[in-house]
Amino acid sequence: MKLNKYILPLLALFLTLSACEKPFDELEKDPNRAVNAPASLVLKGILNDMYDSGNSPSGFSGVTYAPWGSEQRFNQFFASNYNYYATNEYSWTTTNLNFYTLKDVLKMESEAKRAGAADVNPYSALGKFFRAYFYENMTRRVGDVPLTDALKDQANLTPKYDSQKAVYIQILKWLDDANTDMAAIIAKGDNTLGGDFYFNNNLRQWQKVVNTYRLRVLISLSKKESDTDLAIKQKFADMIGNPTKYPILTGMADNLQFIHNGVQNKYPRNQDNFGQNATRENMAKTYVDLLVDRKDPRIFVVAEPASAKIAAGLKPTDYAAFVGASSGEDQQDMATEVLKGQYSFQNRKHYYTSYVGEPVFIIGYPELMFTIAEGINRGWATGSADDYYQKGIAASMGFYGLKDGDNTVTFSRDGGIANFDTYTVKVSMSDYLAQTSVKYAGNNATGLTQILTQKYIAFFQNSGLEAFYNQRRTGVPAFLTGVGTGNSARIPKRWQYPTNERTTNADNLKSALTTQYGGTDDINATMWILQ
């Protein structure tokens, strides 16, 4: 049977109109682009964001643990002497927040469920930890942040801000729930976790990290120890008193740390970039003086003796040969002194002869030891603060390969990385610990300062901005200021909110600023946790 000549055009028109009746969200889908990904693949991106979530326009990323970056200058571990590339100023503006990563956390959880996972599964347990981790990173940078109304996509594009106190209450709950869930999953024998390049999918290791991190959060709230809603002291005591329920890191092998592979990810200081940054950055006085004053052998591993001191007759293994520049010094003056050989550089052998470098702690064992020591010093738990204090020091010394007896140290012969000389230095942990400045003075203010000082020393080129956050909370050590640090010789207490919050959520941001800081997004304003 022949079709009428009018039927075929009408049929084509009908098919075209039918296609046009599809919803827009169906038509906009790209058939060549995947819309789903295994939870294990999404996890890899989140884990990478834990280490470095990318630089913001103002130079600050949401989370940055990479060593030798701007964060470590703000920790006053090293200083820039060449302003074409960087300054030592604390003239901060905005910071990135971590909502994109938190959306990935939601995606990871939903993909695990889509693949048939139980309601409580390894990805959901890790999801609670990631929520706590990234929210804590955000709130301690700016103050109040959207939480209750956040991450609802089209349902709420202008979320209200939760108070910093409410955010911390939720963070502590997430961490407690993550620990409970992980214990249940481990007992069940659920081994479905995949994509974990930190611990090779070992949930027991993650459970230790979760609880160690929770202790970090608790100690960061020390100014709120009398707040009954937070119950900081009780939570801290419960954790220290029940290691079976709350397992924590037991040694350096348990560290959550980033290891550079020397191929795709090279350690930031290596032989390839020696000519680019080795002489425009020198050691900072805040850090160097603490080591020199305590005759601390870690100085021999991390720094070079100042060439002018050697020319004046000091030996390379004399502590007085190591000199740091004040972060507050005028940068041009610093550059002039560097040319004269007055300041120490980074140790050439340790930092510029390997693509792998040293592991970079995200959450580390030495920090944990000092955190527990601090809690005991403050009366939050029973035990010997001195024992934990000494374990923290020993762990940090061991990280640099230092041991009792003879140790070989290496310095550049001429400031480069081709010719080195080795020296032998004797190390005695008992002698080091017996010094008045180091020997634990007891559970008092002096003892607390000693704990915090050693914690700062152990943070060198590790743990991102933890050294800064601890100093902001406690005032230890005293940071140096001056024309070189800018900001009217003040160390700022926070960052400004992201620019996109001003354009997309202006009313709620204005309300949050009014509640917290009198309406001004001031980097020198004091947030709730510091009051």
Protein backbone atom coordinates (compact mmCIF):
# COMPACT_ATOMS: atom_id res chain seq x y z
CA MET A 1 0.00 0.00 0.00
CA LYS A 2 1.38 3.42 -0.98
CA LEU A 3 1.37 6.20 1.60
CA ASN A 4 -0.31 9.44 0.69
CA LYS A 5 2.31 12.06 -0.27
CA TYR A 6 1.12 14.23 2.67
CA ILE A 7 1.47 11.52 5.30
CA LEU A 8 5.28 11.30 5.42
CA PRO A 9 5.82 15.04 6.08
CA LEU A 10 3.14 14.98 8.76
CA LEU A 11 4.74 11.95 10.40
CA ALA A 12 8.13 13.69 10.45
CA LEU A 13 6.57 16.79 11.97
CA PHE A 14 4.87 14.69 14.65
CA LEU A 15 8.16 13.00 15.58
CA THR A 16 9.91 16.37 15.76
CA LEU A 17 7.25 17.86 18.01
CA SER A 18 7.34 14.78 20.22
CA ALA A 19 11.08 15.24 20.73
CA CYS A 20 10.58 18.89 21.60
CA GLU A 21 8.16 17.94 24.33
CA LYS A 22 10.99 16.39 26.41
CA PRO A 23 11.74 18.26 29.63
CA PHE A 24 14.65 20.70 29.46
CA ASP A 25 16.71 18.76 31.98
CA GLU A 26 16.51 15.76 29.65
CA LEU A 27 17.45 17.74 26.56
CA GLU A 28 20.47 19.37 28.25
CA LYS A 29 22.08 16.04 29.14
CA ASP A 30 25.23 15.28 27.18
CA PRO A 31 25.01 11.61 26.09
CA ASN A 32 28.80 11.54 25.78
CA ARG A 33 29.47 12.66 29.35
CA ALA A 34 29.20 10.37 32.36
CA VAL A 35 26.78 11.43 35.07
CA ASN A 36 27.71 8.72 37.54
CA ALA A 37 31.05 7.64 38.98
CA PRO A 38 32.01 4.91 41.44
CA ALA A 39 32.15 6.11 45.04
CA SER A 40 35.80 5.02 45.13
CA LEU A 41 36.65 7.43 42.31
CA VAL A 42 34.87 10.36 43.97
CA LEU A 43 36.72 9.53 47.19
CA LYS A 44 40.08 10.03 45.48
CA GLY A 45 39.20 13.63 44.67
CA ILE A 46 38.09 14.32 48.24
CA LEU A 47 41.29 12.84 49.63
CA ASN A 48 43.32 15.05 47.33
CA ASP A 49 41.35 18.08 48.51
CA MET A 50 42.34 17.23 52.08
CA TYR A 51 45.90 18.03 51.10
CA ASP A 52 45.37 20.88 48.66
CA SER A 53 42.08 22.11 47.28
CA GLY A 54 43.60 24.61 44.88
CA ASN A 55 44.61 28.23 45.16
CA SER A 56 42.11 31.02 45.48
CA PRO A 57 42.60 34.37 43.71
CA SER A 58 44.09 35.82 46.88
CA GLY A 59 46.56 32.98 47.22
CA PHE A 60 44.73 31.02 49.90
CA SER A 61 43.17 27.67 49.25
CA GLY A 62 40.44 26.06 51.25
CA VAL A 63 42.88 23.52 52.66
CA THR A 64 46.61 23.62 51.98
CA TYR A 65 49.06 21.28 53.66
CA ALA A 66 51.79 21.55 51.00
CA PRO A 67 55.11 22.59 52.57
CA TRP A 68 57.03 25.75 51.66
CA GLY A 69 53.90 27.60 50.56
CA SER A 70 52.59 30.93 51.76
CA GLU A 71 50.97 29.24 54.78
CA GLN A 72 54.40 28.32 56.10
CA ARG A 73 55.54 31.92 55.83
CA PHE A 74 52.52 32.89 57.90
CA ASN A 75 53.59 30.23 60.42
CA GLN A 76 56.90 32.18 60.49
CA PHE A 77 58.97 29.15 59.58
CA PHE A 78 60.70 30.82 56.65
CA ALA A 79 60.68 34.26 55.02
CA SER A 80 60.72 35.70 51.54
CA ASN A 81 63.48 38.22 50.81
CA TYR A 82 62.50 38.99 47.19
CA ASN A 83 59.24 40.88 46.81
CA TYR A 84 58.86 40.19 43.08
CA TYR A 85 57.64 36.71 44.01
CA ALA A 86 56.26 37.02 47.53
CA THR A 87 56.25 39.13 50.68
CA ASN A 88 55.86 38.31 54.35
CA GLU A 89 52.81 40.52 54.73
CA TYR A 90 49.63 39.37 56.45
CA SER A 91 47.54 41.61 54.21
CA TRP A 92 44.87 38.99 53.74
CA THR A 93 41.65 39.32 51.83
CA THR A 94 39.20 36.54 51.00
CA THR A 95 39.54 32.79 51.34
CA ASN A 96 37.96 29.95 49.44
CA LEU A 97 35.43 27.77 51.23
CA ASN A 98 34.94 24.05 50.71
CA PHE A 99 31.37 23.68 49.50
CA TYR A 100 32.40 22.18 46.17
CA THR A 101 34.27 19.44 48.00
CA LEU A 102 31.32 18.93 50.33
CA LYS A 103 29.12 18.42 47.27
CA ASP A 104 31.56 15.69 46.25
CA VAL A 105 31.06 14.11 49.67
CA LEU A 106 27.31 13.98 49.02
CA LYS A 107 27.97 12.51 45.59
CA MET A 108 30.29 9.86 47.05
CA GLU A 109 27.63 8.81 49.54
CA SER A 110 24.87 8.66 46.94
CA GLU A 111 27.02 6.66 44.54
CA ALA A 112 27.77 4.13 47.28
CA LYS A 113 24.04 3.76 47.91
CA ARG A 114 23.32 3.50 44.19
CA ALA A 115 25.76 0.59 44.04
CA GLY A 116 23.84 -1.22 46.77
CA ALA A 117 25.67 -0.23 49.96
CA ALA A 118 23.89 -0.44 53.31
CA ASP A 119 22.73 2.75 55.03
CA VAL A 120 25.82 2.60 57.24
CA ASN A 121 28.82 1.85 55.05
CA PRO A 122 32.48 2.88 54.79
CA TYR A 123 31.71 5.82 52.52
CA SER A 124 28.93 7.18 54.74
CA ALA A 125 31.19 6.92 57.79
CA LEU A 126 34.01 8.71 56.02
CA GLY A 127 31.45 11.22 54.78
CA LYS A 128 30.73 12.30 58.35
CA PHE A 129 34.42 12.76 58.98
CA PHE A 130 34.85 14.80 55.79
CA ARG A 131 31.92 17.02 56.74
CA ALA A 132 33.56 17.74 60.08
CA TYR A 133 36.98 18.24 58.54
CA PHE A 134 35.97 20.68 55.83
CA TYR A 135 33.43 22.56 57.95
CA GLU A 136 36.01 23.04 60.67
CA ASN A 137 38.45 24.35 58.11
CA MET A 138 35.88 26.87 56.92
CA THR A 139 34.61 28.11 60.25
CA ARG A 140 38.03 28.65 61.78
CA ARG A 141 38.95 30.81 58.79
CA VAL A 142 35.95 33.13 58.70
CA GLY A 143 33.56 32.47 61.63
CA ASP A 144 29.88 31.68 61.07
CA VAL A 145 29.11 29.65 57.93
CA PRO A 146 25.95 28.23 56.30
CA LEU A 147 25.32 24.68 57.51
CA THR A 148 21.67 23.80 58.29
CA ASP A 149 20.38 25.32 55.04
CA ALA A 150 23.47 24.58 52.95
CA LEU A 151 24.12 21.97 50.24
CA LYS A 152 20.48 21.77 49.15
CA ASP A 153 21.13 22.84 45.54
CA GLN A 154 18.07 24.44 43.96
CA ALA A 155 16.03 24.01 47.13
CA ASN A 156 17.87 26.87 48.84
CA LEU A 157 20.32 29.07 46.96
CA THR A 158 20.61 31.62 49.78
CA PRO A 159 21.27 29.62 52.96
CA LYS A 160 21.32 31.34 56.31
CA TYR A 161 24.49 31.27 58.39
CA ASP A 162 24.78 29.06 61.46
CA SER A 163 26.64 30.43 64.46
CA GLN A 164 30.18 29.21 64.95
CA LYS A 165 29.14 27.55 68.18
CA ALA A 166 26.38 25.61 66.42
CA VAL A 167 28.84 24.58 63.72
CA TYR A 168 31.29 23.21 66.28
CA ILE A 169 28.55 21.31 68.10
CA GLN A 170 27.67 19.65 64.79
CA ILE A 171 31.33 18.97 63.97
CA LEU A 172 31.85 17.15 67.25
CA LYS A 173 28.69 15.12 66.68
CA TRP A 174 29.75 14.13 63.16
CA LEU A 175 33.10 12.95 64.50
CA ASP A 176 31.51 10.95 67.32
CA ASP A 177 29.04 9.37 64.89
CA ALA A 178 31.82 8.58 62.42
CA ASN A 179 33.73 6.74 65.14
CA THR A 180 30.61 4.77 66.14
CA ASP A 181 29.81 3.88 62.53
CA MET A 182 33.36 2.81 61.76
CA ALA A 183 33.45 0.55 64.81
CA ALA A 184 30.23 -1.13 63.64
CA ILE A 185 31.46 -1.50 60.06
CA ILE A 186 34.78 -2.99 61.19
CA ALA A 187 32.98 -5.44 63.48
CA LYS A 188 30.73 -6.42 60.60
CA GLY A 189 33.73 -7.15 58.39
CA ASP A 190 32.68 -4.74 55.64
CA ASN A 191 35.70 -4.42 53.34
CA THR A 192 34.01 -2.57 50.48
CA LEU A 193 36.01 0.65 50.79
CA GLY A 194 37.99 1.50 47.65
CA GLY A 195 39.99 4.42 46.30
CA ASP A 196 41.84 5.26 49.53
CA PHE A 197 45.43 6.15 48.65
CA TYR A 198 46.32 7.21 52.20
CA PHE A 199 45.67 3.97 54.10
CA ASN A 200 44.97 1.48 51.30
CA ASN A 201 41.31 1.16 52.35
CA ASN A 202 42.08 0.32 55.99
CA LEU A 203 39.11 1.64 57.96
CA ARG A 204 40.82 0.88 61.28
CA GLN A 205 43.45 3.46 60.40
CA TRP A 206 40.77 5.97 59.52
CA GLN A 207 39.05 5.39 62.84
CA LYS A 208 42.29 6.38 64.60
CA VAL A 209 42.51 9.49 62.45
CA VAL A 210 38.90 10.46 63.20
CA ASN A 211 39.47 10.34 66.95
CA THR A 212 42.85 12.02 66.77
CA TYR A 213 41.27 14.80 64.75
CA ARG A 214 38.45 15.08 67.28
CA LEU A 215 41.04 15.71 70.01
CA ARG A 216 42.53 18.44 67.80
CA VAL A 217 39.12 20.08 67.52
CA LEU A 218 38.50 19.82 71.27
CA ILE A 219 41.82 21.41 72.18
CA SER A 220 41.20 24.18 69.62
CA LEU A 221 38.14 25.11 71.70
CA SER A 222 40.15 25.61 74.89
CA LYS A 223 38.79 29.14 75.39
CA LYS A 224 35.30 27.58 75.61
CA GLU A 225 36.09 24.95 78.23
CA SER A 226 33.40 26.28 80.57
CA ASP A 227 30.65 26.12 77.93
CA THR A 228 28.28 23.39 79.13
CA ASP A 229 26.71 22.93 75.69
CA LEU A 230 30.07 21.94 74.25
CA ALA A 231 31.28 19.98 77.31
CA ILE A 232 34.84 20.08 75.99
CA LYS A 233 36.56 18.81 79.12
CA GLN A 234 34.19 15.86 79.57
CA LYS A 235 34.50 14.79 75.94
CA PHE A 236 38.28 15.04 76.12
CA ALA A 237 38.42 12.99 79.33
CA ASP A 238 36.05 10.36 77.91
CA MET A 239 38.28 9.87 74.89
CA ILE A 240 41.55 9.66 76.80
CA GLY A 241 39.99 7.34 79.37
CA ASN A 242 38.51 4.89 76.87
CA PRO A 243 41.06 3.99 74.16
CA THR A 244 39.06 0.90 73.21
CA LYS A 245 36.06 2.98 72.18
CA TYR A 246 38.18 5.84 70.89
CA PRO A 247 41.35 4.43 69.28
CA ILE A 248 43.90 7.09 68.33
CA LEU A 249 47.25 7.18 66.53
CA THR A 250 49.80 5.01 68.32
CA GLY A 251 52.93 5.94 66.38
CA MET A 252 54.35 7.58 63.29
CA ALA A 253 53.16 4.70 61.12
CA ASP A 254 49.57 5.80 61.79
CA ASN A 255 50.04 9.35 60.45
CA LEU A 256 47.62 10.70 57.89
CA GLN A 257 50.26 12.10 55.57
CA PHE A 258 50.87 12.97 51.95
CA ILE A 259 53.83 11.31 50.29
CA HIS A 260 55.15 12.81 47.08
CA ASN A 261 55.90 10.19 44.44
CA GLY A 262 58.65 12.10 42.69
CA VAL A 263 56.96 11.79 39.29
CA GLN A 264 53.53 13.43 38.98
CA ASN A 265 53.84 14.93 42.47
CA LYS A 266 57.31 16.20 43.27
CA TYR A 267 58.27 17.58 46.66
CA PRO A 268 58.04 21.41 46.37
CA ARG A 269 61.74 21.80 47.15
CA ASN A 270 63.83 19.71 44.77
CA GLN A 271 66.81 20.01 42.48
CA ASP A 272 64.73 21.25 39.55
CA ASN A 273 63.68 24.49 41.26
CA PHE A 274 66.84 25.21 43.22
CA GLY A 275 67.70 28.13 40.95
CA GLN A 276 64.21 29.55 41.28
CA ASN A 277 63.73 29.84 45.03
CA ALA A 278 66.73 28.65 47.04
CA THR A 279 68.20 32.10 47.61
CA ARG A 280 65.05 34.22 47.66
CA GLU A 281 63.78 32.43 50.78
CA ASN A 282 65.64 32.20 54.07
CA MET A 283 64.86 30.82 57.50
CA ALA A 284 62.68 32.85 59.86
CA LYS A 285 63.85 34.10 63.23
CA THR A 286 60.75 33.01 65.17
CA TYR A 287 61.47 29.37 64.41
CA VAL A 288 65.27 29.40 64.29
CA ASP A 289 65.72 31.17 67.63
CA LEU A 290 63.61 28.56 69.44
CA LEU A 291 65.93 25.83 68.19
CA VAL A 292 69.15 27.72 68.78
CA ASP A 293 68.16 28.77 72.32
CA ARG A 294 67.43 25.12 73.18
CA LYS A 295 70.50 23.70 71.44
CA ASP A 296 68.08 21.66 69.40
CA PRO A 297 69.79 19.37 66.84
CA ARG A 298 66.83 19.65 64.48
CA ILE A 299 68.40 22.92 63.31
CA PHE A 300 71.23 20.94 61.68
CA VAL A 301 68.78 19.00 59.55
CA VAL A 302 66.51 21.81 58.37
CA ALA A 303 68.88 24.76 57.92
CA GLU A 304 72.31 25.85 56.70
CA PRO A 305 74.68 27.85 58.89
CA ALA A 306 74.88 31.52 57.87
CA SER A 307 77.96 31.98 55.68
CA ALA A 308 78.98 35.22 57.43
CA LYS A 309 79.10 33.36 60.76
CA ILE A 310 81.37 30.70 59.29
CA ALA A 311 83.60 33.39 57.76
CA ALA A 312 83.80 34.97 61.22
CA GLY A 313 85.23 31.74 62.66
CA LEU A 314 82.25 29.74 63.92
CA LYS A 315 82.02 26.04 63.09
CA PRO A 316 79.08 24.82 60.99
CA THR A 317 77.90 22.80 63.98
CA ASP A 318 77.88 25.76 66.35
CA TYR A 319 74.32 26.66 67.22
CA ALA A 320 75.23 30.34 67.07
CA ALA A 321 76.02 29.92 63.37
CA PHE A 322 72.31 29.63 62.58
CA VAL A 323 70.43 32.91 62.18
CA GLY A 324 66.88 33.60 61.02
CA ALA A 325 65.47 36.85 59.69
CA SER A 326 62.58 38.52 61.43
CA SER A 327 59.37 38.25 59.42
CA GLY A 328 58.74 41.87 60.39
CA GLU A 329 61.97 43.15 58.87
CA ASP A 330 61.76 45.44 55.86
CA GLN A 331 62.12 43.14 52.88
CA GLN A 332 64.76 45.25 51.16
CA ASP A 333 66.82 45.28 54.34
CA MET A 334 66.41 41.52 54.58
CA ALA A 335 67.63 41.10 51.01
CA THR A 336 70.70 43.21 51.77
CA GLU A 337 71.54 41.11 54.82
CA VAL A 338 71.06 37.93 52.80
CA LEU A 339 73.64 39.13 50.27
CA LYS A 340 76.03 39.65 53.17
CA GLY A 341 75.51 36.06 54.29
CA GLN A 342 73.91 37.03 57.58
CA TYR A 343 70.95 34.61 57.43
CA SER A 344 70.50 30.86 57.20
CA PHE A 345 68.94 29.16 54.20
CA GLN A 346 67.03 25.90 54.00
CA ASN A 347 69.29 22.88 54.30
CA ARG A 348 70.45 22.15 50.76
CA LYS A 349 70.93 18.41 51.18
CA HIS A 350 67.70 17.74 53.02
CA TYR A 351 65.38 19.78 50.82
CA TYR A 352 66.99 20.11 47.39
CA THR A 353 68.36 16.70 46.44
CA SER A 354 65.21 14.59 46.26
CA TYR A 355 61.99 14.61 44.27
CA VAL A 356 60.22 12.65 47.01
CA GLY A 357 61.30 14.69 50.01
CA GLU A 358 59.83 13.96 53.42
CA PRO A 359 56.24 12.95 54.22
CA VAL A 360 53.90 15.87 54.90
CA PHE A 361 51.61 15.39 57.89
CA ILE A 362 47.94 16.23 57.62
CA ILE A 363 47.18 14.72 61.02
CA GLY A 364 50.29 13.51 62.80
CA TYR A 365 51.39 11.62 65.87
CA PRO A 366 53.70 14.31 67.38
CA GLU A 367 50.85 16.82 67.35
CA LEU A 368 48.60 14.28 69.10
CA MET A 369 51.13 13.76 71.89
CA PHE A 370 51.35 17.50 72.55
CA THR A 371 47.58 17.83 72.36
CA ILE A 372 47.09 15.20 75.05
CA ALA A 373 49.85 16.79 77.13
CA GLU A 374 48.11 20.15 76.85
CA GLY A 375 44.76 18.66 77.86
CA ILE A 376 46.27 17.05 80.94
CA ASN A 377 48.11 20.27 81.79
CA ARG A 378 44.77 22.09 81.66
CA GLY A 379 43.19 19.51 83.97
CA TRP A 380 40.91 18.00 81.35
CA ALA A 381 42.14 14.43 81.86
CA THR A 382 44.31 12.38 84.19
CA GLY A 383 47.74 11.09 83.29
CA SER A 384 51.29 12.34 82.95
CA ALA A 385 51.55 15.39 80.73
CA ASP A 386 55.33 15.04 80.92
CA ASP A 387 55.22 11.54 79.40
CA TYR A 388 53.18 12.70 76.40
CA TYR A 389 55.33 15.83 76.09
CA GLN A 390 58.50 13.75 75.90
CA LYS A 391 56.93 11.32 73.43
CA GLY A 392 56.05 14.24 71.18
CA ILE A 393 59.61 15.54 71.25
CA ALA A 394 61.07 12.09 70.60
CA ALA A 395 58.72 11.48 67.68
CA SER A 396 59.64 14.80 66.08
CA MET A 397 63.35 14.17 66.54
CA GLY A 398 62.92 10.73 64.99
CA PHE A 399 61.12 12.23 62.01
CA TYR A 400 64.38 14.03 61.16
CA GLY A 401 66.43 10.87 61.66
CA LEU A 402 68.02 12.09 64.89
CA LYS A 403 68.95 9.52 67.53
CA ASP A 404 70.99 9.22 70.71
CA GLY A 405 74.70 9.10 69.97
CA ASP A 406 76.57 10.19 66.85
CA ASN A 407 74.54 11.69 64.01
CA THR A 408 75.79 12.71 60.58
CA VAL A 409 74.67 16.11 59.35
CA THR A 410 75.35 17.63 55.94
CA PHE A 411 75.84 21.23 54.83
CA SER A 412 76.52 22.80 51.47
CA ARG A 413 80.14 23.74 50.93
CA ASP A 414 79.39 26.70 48.69
CA GLY A 415 75.65 27.37 48.94
CA GLY A 416 74.79 25.06 46.04
CA ILE A 417 73.68 21.46 45.74
CA ALA A 418 76.75 19.90 44.13
CA ASN A 419 79.32 20.00 46.92
CA PHE A 420 78.57 18.92 50.48
CA ASP A 421 80.50 18.41 53.68
CA THR A 422 79.43 16.04 56.44
CA TYR A 423 79.89 16.51 60.16
CA THR A 424 79.22 14.44 63.24
CA VAL A 425 77.09 15.81 66.05
CA LYS A 426 76.34 14.02 69.28
CA VAL A 427 72.74 13.92 70.42
CA SER A 428 71.60 13.08 73.93
CA MET A 429 67.88 13.13 74.48
CA SER A 430 68.36 13.06 78.24
CA ASP A 431 70.66 16.10 78.11
CA TYR A 432 68.26 17.92 75.80
CA LEU A 433 65.29 17.24 78.08
CA ALA A 434 67.27 18.27 81.15
CA GLN A 435 67.70 21.86 79.96
CA THR A 436 65.78 24.39 82.02
CA SER A 437 63.96 25.63 78.93
CA VAL A 438 62.90 22.10 77.97
CA LYS A 439 62.44 20.17 81.22
CA TYR A 440 58.73 20.02 81.90
CA ALA A 441 57.89 22.49 84.65
CA GLY A 442 54.64 20.80 85.68
CA ASN A 443 50.96 21.40 85.12
CA ASN A 444 51.22 25.15 85.26
CA ALA A 445 51.54 28.09 82.89
CA THR A 446 55.26 27.51 82.31
CA GLY A 447 54.67 23.85 81.51
CA LEU A 448 51.89 24.79 79.11
CA THR A 449 54.18 27.19 77.27
CA GLN A 450 56.79 24.45 76.96
CA ILE A 451 54.24 22.07 75.44
CA LEU A 452 53.00 24.68 72.99
CA THR A 453 56.54 25.66 72.01
CA GLN A 454 57.54 22.09 71.22
CA LYS A 455 54.28 21.60 69.33
CA TYR A 456 55.12 24.62 67.19
CA ILE A 457 58.61 23.30 66.49
CA ALA A 458 57.21 19.93 65.44
CA PHE A 459 54.81 21.61 62.97
CA PHE A 460 57.70 22.82 60.78
CA GLN A 461 56.69 22.37 57.11
CA ASN A 462 53.90 20.07 58.25
CA SER A 463 50.19 20.24 59.08
CA GLY A 464 49.34 23.33 57.03
CA LEU A 465 48.33 26.31 59.15
CA GLU A 466 48.07 24.40 62.44
CA ALA A 467 51.07 26.32 63.78
CA PHE A 468 49.27 29.59 63.02
CA TYR A 469 45.95 28.44 64.51
CA ASN A 470 47.64 27.28 67.70
CA GLN A 471 49.55 30.55 67.98
CA ARG A 472 46.35 32.52 67.35
CA ARG A 473 44.66 30.62 70.19
CA THR A 474 47.49 30.68 72.74
CA GLY A 475 49.97 33.41 71.79
CA VAL A 476 52.80 30.84 71.77
CA PRO A 477 55.30 31.48 70.36
CA ALA A 478 55.30 35.25 70.08
CA PHE A 479 55.17 36.10 66.36
CA LEU A 480 57.42 38.89 65.12
CA THR A 481 55.85 41.88 63.42
CA GLY A 482 56.97 45.07 61.75
CA VAL A 483 56.91 46.81 58.43
CA GLY A 484 57.57 43.49 56.71
CA THR A 485 54.41 41.85 58.00
CA GLY A 486 52.14 44.74 57.01
CA ASN A 487 48.64 45.06 58.47
CA SER A 488 49.85 47.82 60.83
CA ALA A 489 52.17 45.32 62.52
CA ARG A 490 49.25 43.11 63.54
CA ILE A 491 48.80 39.39 63.03
CA PRO A 492 45.28 38.99 61.61
CA LYS A 493 42.79 36.63 63.20
CA ARG A 494 40.70 35.61 60.19
CA TRP A 495 40.03 35.89 56.47
CA GLN A 496 37.24 37.72 54.71
CA TYR A 497 34.28 35.81 53.29
CA PRO A 498 34.47 34.81 49.61
CA THR A 499 33.45 37.40 47.04
CA ASN A 500 30.72 35.16 45.65
CA GLU A 501 28.93 35.28 49.01
CA ARG A 502 28.58 39.05 48.56
CA THR A 503 27.00 38.62 45.15
CA THR A 504 24.79 35.55 45.69
CA ASN A 505 23.95 35.55 49.39
CA ALA A 506 24.38 39.19 50.37
CA ASP A 507 21.54 39.55 52.88
CA ASN A 508 22.54 36.51 54.91
CA LEU A 509 26.20 37.50 54.80
CA LYS A 510 25.33 40.99 56.02
CA SER A 511 23.36 39.51 58.91
CA ALA A 512 26.25 37.20 59.84
CA LEU A 513 28.75 40.06 59.76
CA THR A 514 26.50 42.22 61.90
CA THR A 515 26.05 39.49 64.48
CA GLN A 516 29.76 38.67 64.69
CA TYR A 517 31.83 41.70 63.78
CA GLY A 518 29.64 44.79 63.94
CA GLY A 519 28.94 44.59 60.23
CA THR A 520 32.55 44.78 59.04
CA ASP A 521 34.39 41.91 57.31
CA ASP A 522 37.59 42.74 59.18
CA ILE A 523 40.60 40.38 59.14
CA ASN A 524 41.56 41.66 62.61
CA ALA A 525 38.17 40.94 64.18
CA THR A 526 37.89 38.27 66.88
CA MET A 527 35.70 35.29 66.12
CA TRP A 528 33.69 33.40 68.73
CA ILE A 529 36.19 30.59 69.38
CA LEU A 530 38.84 33.16 70.32
CA GLN A 531 36.72 35.15 72.73
